[in-house]
Amino acid sequence: MEAKQSTGKYWMLFFFWLAAMIVLLIVYREFFWLALPGVVTYFAKGMDLM
């Protein structure tokens, strides 16, 4: 059985990437998809799915 590790760092990175994606949607609509890998990855790590 694995010990649970703290996911606070991953949640902080998720919200950073989410904010970056929102800014890109507003300013450079055609480049918002560049932030999607960070949003999805750190959401999964924050939920402890990976």
C-alpha atoms as a PDB file:
ATOM      1  CA  MET A   1       0.000   0.000   0.000  1.00  0.00           C
ATOM      2  CA  GLU A   2       1.369   3.375  -0.985  1.00  0.00           C
ATOM      3  CA  ALA A   3       1.561   6.301   1.402  1.00  0.00           C
ATOM      4  CA  LYS A   4      -0.509   9.328   0.396  1.00  0.00           C
ATOM      5  CA  GLN A   5       1.602  12.287  -0.576  1.00  0.00           C
ATOM      6  CA  SER A   6       0.657  15.928  -0.372  1.00  0.00           C
ATOM      7  CA  THR A   7      -0.982  17.245  -3.530  1.00  0.00           C
ATOM      8  CA  GLY A   8      -0.916  20.949  -2.615  1.00  0.00           C
ATOM      9  CA  LYS A   9       1.944  21.670  -4.997  1.00  0.00           C
ATOM     10  CA  TYR A  10       0.034  20.081  -7.871  1.00  0.00           C
ATOM     11  CA  TRP A  11      -3.110  22.078  -7.110  1.00  0.00           C
ATOM     12  CA  MET A  12      -1.081  25.288  -7.099  1.00  0.00           C
ATOM     13  CA  LEU A  13       0.398  24.396 -10.505  1.00  0.00           C
ATOM     14  CA  PHE A  14      -3.069  23.470 -11.795  1.00  0.00           C
ATOM     15  CA  PHE A  15      -4.463  26.884 -10.876  1.00  0.00           C
ATOM     16  CA  PHE A  16      -1.434  28.590 -12.429  1.00  0.00           C
ATOM     17  CA  TRP A  17      -1.979  26.745 -15.719  1.00  0.00           C
ATOM     18  CA  LEU A  18      -5.718  27.372 -15.542  1.00  0.00           C
ATOM     19  CA  ALA A  19      -5.106  31.113 -15.170  1.00  0.00           C
ATOM     20  CA  ALA A  20      -2.613  30.992 -18.052  1.00  0.00           C
ATOM     21  CA  MET A  21      -5.191  29.208 -20.209  1.00  0.00           C
ATOM     22  CA  ILE A  22      -7.877  31.789 -19.390  1.00  0.00           C
ATOM     23  CA  VAL A  23      -5.500  34.646 -20.225  1.00  0.00           C
ATOM     24  CA  LEU A  24      -4.600  32.956 -23.489  1.00  0.00           C
ATOM     25  CA  LEU A  25      -8.303  32.520 -24.303  1.00  0.00           C
ATOM     26  CA  ILE A  26      -8.848  36.237 -23.806  1.00  0.00           C
ATOM     27  CA  VAL A  27      -5.689  37.618 -25.409  1.00  0.00           C
ATOM     28  CA  TYR A  28      -4.445  35.020 -27.931  1.00  0.00           C
ATOM     29  CA  ARG A  29      -7.436  32.812 -28.647  1.00  0.00           C
ATOM     30  CA  GLU A  30      -5.559  30.653 -31.165  1.00  0.00           C
ATOM     31  CA  PHE A  31      -2.854  29.675 -28.623  1.00  0.00           C
ATOM     32  CA  PHE A  32      -4.979  28.637 -25.619  1.00  0.00           C
ATOM     33  CA  TRP A  33      -4.429  24.959 -26.397  1.00  0.00           C
ATOM     34  CA  LEU A  34      -0.751  25.348 -25.446  1.00  0.00           C
ATOM     35  CA  ALA A  35      -1.802  25.457 -21.784  1.00  0.00           C
ATOM     36  CA  LEU A  36      -4.080  22.396 -21.990  1.00  0.00           C
ATOM     37  CA  PRO A  37      -1.388  19.773 -21.225  1.00  0.00           C
ATOM     38  CA  GLY A  38      -0.446  21.598 -18.011  1.00  0.00           C
ATOM     39  CA  VAL A  39      -4.082  21.959 -16.933  1.00  0.00           C
ATOM     40  CA  VAL A  40      -4.944  18.319 -17.555  1.00  0.00           C
ATOM     41  CA  THR A  41      -1.712  16.900 -16.114  1.00  0.00           C
ATOM     42  CA  TYR A  42      -1.762  18.853 -12.867  1.00  0.00           C
ATOM     43  CA  PHE A  43      -5.502  18.307 -12.401  1.00  0.00           C
ATOM     44  CA  ALA A  44      -4.915  14.550 -12.615  1.00  0.00           C
ATOM     45  CA  LYS A  45      -1.954  14.768 -10.227  1.00  0.00           C
ATOM     46  CA  GLY A  46      -3.940  16.955  -7.825  1.00  0.00           C
ATOM     47  CA  MET A  47      -6.748  14.391  -7.801  1.00  0.00           C
ATOM     48  CA  ASP A  48      -4.047  11.713  -7.217  1.00  0.00           C
ATOM     49  CA  LEU A  49      -5.001   9.849 -10.390  1.00  0.00           C
ATOM     50  CA  MET A  50      -1.425   9.530 -11.631  1.00  0.00           C
END
